[in-house]
Amino acid sequence: MSGGKVKCFRGVDTHFLSAQEIITAAHYQNIFPNKCKQTDDGVFGSKFVTVCVTGNKENEIHMEGYQVSNQCMAMVRDEILVPTKDAPELGYVIESSDEKYVPDVFFKEMDKYKNEIKKVGRPLPVEYLLIDVPVSSPLQPLATFSILGADRKNFPVENRLLESSLQDFNSFAQYMAQFRSAEFLTAVSDIHVLVFMATLDIMPLRDFLGPLYEAIRTANVEAAREWTYLDHWSQMQALIQATTMN
């Protein structure tokens, strides 16, 4: 919508998350299970939260947090829950076949006489699978990462297939060359820079970044400076200097 407004299409009269979004949320919750010593499998549920950025009734940007139930996680893990074709608010529990047995999944709803009716989940309203998670924003935003001035060039964002936004070691070296050694904390206080450093093939840094993350989180200039004295960053600096001199 125009005028800085966004469209509101989620709510009690439509859907909060679509079946496809719920299946995606369950997929990620299954990838990141919660460790639990009290279960035979050693895991139970997940701490992974899905945040939906959407429009509210005032047509303003609004965030809602959700998890899906353990039952939903199990159905997605076992590949028995699929979205429906025409109704985003409905999922569908597949039927049994010769290759795969699928037990019936039931849910209950009230009729107009307040009587409970038990139904098979074909289709299955997806709100039965949702768990609300409170989401809020601070009154006074506190930024962890730096915002560069107009005189500095930002590091390219990953996964942007544009010639001007390609992440490679040359762009990393050019970016770092903008900063004096005393400005190292400012230079690395960028989520895209940290992702690049953690996934760099030429010299893996992932295992050494923990103290640097803490320095960024606490805005500790001295701790960040001490991190640069370690061998892995000294070697990286030599590569950066060699790249920018060519």
Protein backbone atom coordinates (compact mmCIF):
# COMPACT_ATOMS: atom_id res chain seq x y z
CA MET A 1 0.00 0.00 0.00
CA SER A 2 1.10 3.63 -0.54
CA GLY A 3 1.77 6.31 2.06
CA GLY A 4 4.02 4.14 4.19
CA LYS A 5 1.19 1.73 5.02
CA VAL A 6 1.17 -2.06 4.64
CA LYS A 7 -1.67 -4.43 3.91
CA CYS A 8 -3.32 -6.36 6.73
CA PHE A 9 -4.42 -9.82 5.64
CA ARG A 10 -3.62 -11.97 8.70
CA GLY A 11 -5.96 -12.37 11.62
CA VAL A 12 -8.64 -14.43 13.29
CA ASP A 13 -10.86 -14.19 10.20
CA THR A 14 -8.16 -15.41 7.78
CA HIS A 15 -4.99 -17.04 9.15
CA PHE A 16 -2.00 -16.15 11.31
CA LEU A 17 0.46 -18.38 9.49
CA SER A 18 -0.26 -20.35 6.35
CA ALA A 19 0.12 -24.12 6.24
CA GLN A 20 3.29 -23.74 4.17
CA GLU A 21 4.76 -21.30 6.70
CA ILE A 22 3.90 -23.66 9.55
CA ILE A 23 5.58 -26.56 7.77
CA THR A 24 8.67 -24.38 7.25
CA ALA A 25 8.69 -23.39 10.94
CA ALA A 26 8.41 -27.05 11.97
CA HIS A 27 11.26 -27.94 9.60
CA TYR A 28 13.60 -25.46 11.29
CA GLN A 29 12.47 -26.48 14.77
CA ASN A 30 13.37 -30.06 13.85
CA ILE A 31 16.80 -28.92 12.65
CA PHE A 32 17.43 -27.10 15.95
CA PRO A 33 16.04 -29.36 18.72
CA ASN A 34 16.23 -28.44 22.39
CA LYS A 35 18.60 -30.63 24.43
CA CYS A 36 16.88 -32.40 27.30
CA LYS A 37 18.43 -34.92 29.72
CA GLN A 38 15.03 -36.19 30.85
CA THR A 39 14.12 -37.83 27.53
CA ASP A 40 15.39 -41.05 25.95
CA ASP A 41 16.31 -39.22 22.75
CA GLY A 42 18.15 -36.45 24.59
CA VAL A 43 16.04 -33.73 22.93
CA PHE A 44 12.57 -32.30 23.40
CA GLY A 45 10.93 -29.54 21.43
CA SER A 46 12.97 -26.59 20.16
CA LYS A 47 13.91 -23.03 21.07
CA PHE A 48 13.69 -21.95 17.41
CA VAL A 49 11.12 -19.15 17.02
CA THR A 50 9.54 -17.95 13.79
CA VAL A 51 8.86 -14.19 13.67
CA CYS A 52 6.32 -13.03 11.10
CA VAL A 53 6.67 -9.40 10.00
CA THR A 54 3.29 -8.32 8.68
CA GLY A 55 0.68 -5.58 8.74
CA ASN A 56 -1.71 -5.00 11.64
CA LYS A 57 -5.25 -3.59 11.66
CA GLU A 58 -3.87 -0.05 11.56
CA ASN A 59 -1.90 -0.99 8.42
CA GLU A 60 1.38 -0.58 10.27
CA ILE A 61 4.33 -2.99 10.30
CA HIS A 62 3.87 -5.48 13.11
CA MET A 63 5.76 -8.53 14.38
CA GLU A 64 4.24 -11.73 15.70
CA GLY A 65 6.27 -14.62 17.12
CA TYR A 66 5.25 -18.27 16.83
CA GLN A 67 6.39 -21.79 17.45
CA VAL A 68 4.62 -24.91 16.31
CA SER A 69 3.68 -27.75 18.64
CA ASN A 70 5.72 -30.90 19.16
CA GLN A 71 2.93 -32.80 17.37
CA CYS A 72 3.37 -30.56 14.33
CA MET A 73 7.14 -31.07 14.44
CA ALA A 74 6.59 -34.83 14.44
CA MET A 75 4.15 -34.71 11.51
CA VAL A 76 6.55 -32.60 9.42
CA ARG A 77 9.50 -34.80 10.41
CA ASP A 78 7.57 -37.87 9.27
CA GLU A 79 6.45 -36.08 6.08
CA ILE A 80 2.72 -36.59 6.61
CA LEU A 81 1.59 -32.93 6.74
CA VAL A 82 1.22 -30.97 3.50
CA PRO A 83 -0.41 -27.64 2.55
CA THR A 84 -3.72 -27.49 0.72
CA LYS A 85 -3.97 -26.03 -2.75
CA ASP A 86 -6.49 -23.21 -2.33
CA ALA A 87 -6.79 -22.49 1.42
CA PRO A 88 -3.63 -21.19 3.19
CA GLU A 89 -5.27 -21.65 6.61
CA LEU A 90 -5.66 -25.41 6.09
CA GLY A 91 -3.12 -28.21 6.14
CA TYR A 92 -3.75 -31.80 5.15
CA VAL A 93 -2.65 -35.07 6.75
CA ILE A 94 -1.91 -37.47 3.91
CA GLU A 95 -3.61 -40.87 3.63
CA SER A 96 -1.88 -44.19 4.16
CA SER A 97 -0.41 -45.94 1.15
CA ASP A 98 1.18 -49.29 0.40
CA GLU A 99 4.57 -47.79 1.17
CA LYS A 100 3.67 -45.74 4.24
CA TYR A 101 1.20 -46.13 7.10
CA VAL A 102 -0.24 -42.84 8.36
CA PRO A 103 -2.34 -42.89 11.55
CA ASP A 104 -5.43 -40.69 11.67
CA VAL A 105 -4.86 -37.28 13.25
CA PHE A 106 -7.94 -35.84 14.97
CA PHE A 107 -8.93 -32.38 16.18
CA LYS A 108 -12.01 -31.10 17.98
CA GLU A 109 -14.26 -28.14 17.27
CA MET A 110 -17.57 -26.83 18.58
CA ASP A 111 -20.80 -26.84 16.58
CA LYS A 112 -23.39 -24.09 16.93
CA TYR A 113 -24.96 -25.96 19.85
CA LYS A 114 -21.64 -25.97 21.78
CA ASN A 115 -21.19 -29.70 21.23
CA GLU A 116 -17.68 -31.04 20.62
CA ILE A 117 -17.18 -32.66 17.23
CA LYS A 118 -14.17 -34.87 16.54
CA LYS A 119 -12.80 -34.63 13.01
CA VAL A 120 -9.96 -36.18 11.04
CA GLY A 121 -7.30 -33.71 9.93
CA ARG A 122 -8.19 -33.83 6.23
CA PRO A 123 -8.13 -30.87 6.10
CA LEU A 124 -6.60 -29.64 9.37
CA PRO A 125 -6.95 -25.97 10.52
CA VAL A 126 -3.38 -24.90 11.18
CA GLU A 127 -4.19 -22.77 14.25
CA TYR A 128 -4.37 -26.06 16.18
CA LEU A 129 -0.62 -26.37 15.61
CA LEU A 130 0.45 -22.85 16.68
CA ILE A 131 1.95 -21.60 19.94
CA ASP A 132 2.11 -17.82 20.45
CA VAL A 133 5.47 -16.38 21.50
CA PRO A 134 5.50 -12.80 22.83
CA VAL A 135 7.43 -10.36 20.62
CA SER A 136 8.31 -6.82 21.58
CA SER A 137 10.65 -3.99 20.67
CA PRO A 138 12.58 -1.77 23.11
CA LEU A 139 11.35 1.79 23.63
CA GLN A 140 14.93 2.95 23.20
CA PRO A 141 16.60 0.85 20.46
CA LEU A 142 20.08 -0.38 21.34
CA ALA A 143 22.12 -1.18 18.24
CA THR A 144 24.78 -3.90 18.49
CA PHE A 145 26.20 -3.21 15.04
CA SER A 146 27.76 -0.01 13.70
CA ILE A 147 26.14 2.38 11.25
CA LEU A 148 28.78 3.77 8.91
CA GLY A 149 28.84 7.37 7.79
CA ALA A 150 28.42 8.50 4.19
CA ASP A 151 32.20 8.65 3.78
CA ARG A 152 32.53 4.88 4.24
CA LYS A 153 31.45 2.13 1.89
CA ASN A 154 29.38 -0.63 3.47
CA PHE A 155 30.37 -4.27 3.06
CA PRO A 156 28.27 -6.08 0.41
CA VAL A 157 25.26 -8.06 1.61
CA GLU A 158 25.50 -11.81 1.00
CA ASN A 159 23.28 -13.63 -1.51
CA ARG A 160 22.82 -10.59 -3.75
CA LEU A 161 23.63 -11.61 -7.32
CA LEU A 162 24.61 -8.11 -8.43
CA GLU A 163 28.05 -7.21 -9.76
CA SER A 164 28.20 -4.23 -7.37
CA SER A 165 27.27 -6.38 -4.35
CA LEU A 166 29.45 -9.46 -4.68
CA GLN A 167 31.15 -10.77 -1.56
CA ASP A 168 34.69 -11.98 -2.22
CA PHE A 169 38.06 -11.56 -0.56
CA ASN A 170 38.86 -8.52 -2.68
CA SER A 171 35.72 -6.71 -1.50
CA PHE A 172 36.54 -7.74 2.08
CA ALA A 173 40.08 -6.40 1.78
CA GLN A 174 38.86 -3.12 0.24
CA TYR A 175 36.30 -2.74 3.01
CA MET A 176 38.81 -3.33 5.83
CA ALA A 177 41.30 -0.95 4.21
CA GLN A 178 38.91 1.95 4.94
CA PHE A 179 39.59 1.67 8.67
CA ARG A 180 42.57 2.51 10.84
CA SER A 181 43.72 -0.15 13.31
CA ALA A 182 42.09 1.84 16.13
CA GLU A 183 38.76 1.50 14.29
CA PHE A 184 38.83 -2.29 14.09
CA LEU A 185 35.79 -2.73 16.36
CA THR A 186 33.76 -0.41 14.15
CA ALA A 187 34.86 -2.28 11.03
CA VAL A 188 33.83 -5.72 12.26
CA SER A 189 30.60 -4.58 13.98
CA ASP A 190 28.66 -5.54 10.87
CA ILE A 191 26.69 -8.79 10.67
CA HIS A 192 27.58 -9.26 7.00
CA VAL A 193 31.31 -8.89 7.73
CA LEU A 194 31.06 -11.42 10.55
CA VAL A 195 29.21 -13.93 8.35
CA PHE A 196 31.91 -13.56 5.69
CA MET A 197 34.70 -14.04 8.24
CA ALA A 198 32.99 -17.11 9.71
CA THR A 199 32.50 -18.78 6.33
CA LEU A 200 35.74 -17.77 4.62
CA ASP A 201 37.39 -20.74 2.94
CA ILE A 202 40.83 -19.25 2.40
CA MET A 203 41.47 -18.99 6.16
CA PRO A 204 38.72 -20.36 8.45
CA LEU A 205 38.10 -18.06 11.42
CA ARG A 206 34.88 -19.54 12.80
CA ASP A 207 36.58 -21.32 15.72
CA PHE A 208 38.32 -18.12 16.86
CA LEU A 209 35.46 -15.62 16.66
CA GLY A 210 33.90 -16.22 20.09
CA PRO A 211 35.97 -13.55 21.95
CA LEU A 212 35.40 -11.10 19.10
CA TYR A 213 31.62 -11.63 19.28
CA GLU A 214 31.78 -10.84 23.00
CA ALA A 215 33.84 -7.71 22.34
CA ILE A 216 31.27 -6.52 19.81
CA ARG A 217 28.37 -7.31 22.14
CA THR A 218 29.90 -5.31 24.97
CA ALA A 219 31.42 -2.61 22.71
CA ASN A 220 34.81 -3.40 24.27
CA VAL A 221 37.42 -1.65 22.12
CA GLU A 222 40.34 -3.02 24.16
CA ALA A 223 39.16 -6.65 23.88
CA ALA A 224 38.72 -6.24 20.11
CA ARG A 225 42.23 -4.77 19.85
CA GLU A 226 43.71 -7.70 21.79
CA TRP A 227 41.93 -10.11 19.44
CA THR A 228 43.79 -8.57 16.48
CA TYR A 229 47.12 -9.59 18.05
CA LEU A 230 46.33 -13.29 17.65
CA ASP A 231 48.11 -15.22 14.90
CA HIS A 232 45.01 -15.96 12.81
CA TRP A 233 44.18 -12.27 12.40
CA SER A 234 47.82 -11.29 11.83
CA GLN A 235 47.90 -13.72 8.93
CA MET A 236 44.61 -12.34 7.66
CA GLN A 237 46.00 -8.80 7.79
CA ALA A 238 48.95 -9.87 5.67
CA LEU A 239 46.57 -11.22 3.03
CA ILE A 240 44.48 -8.03 3.16
CA GLN A 241 47.55 -5.85 2.67
CA ALA A 242 48.79 -8.00 -0.22
CA THR A 243 45.37 -7.80 -1.89
CA THR A 244 44.97 -4.02 -1.56
CA MET A 245 48.51 -3.37 -2.85
CA ASN A 246 47.81 -5.13 -6.16
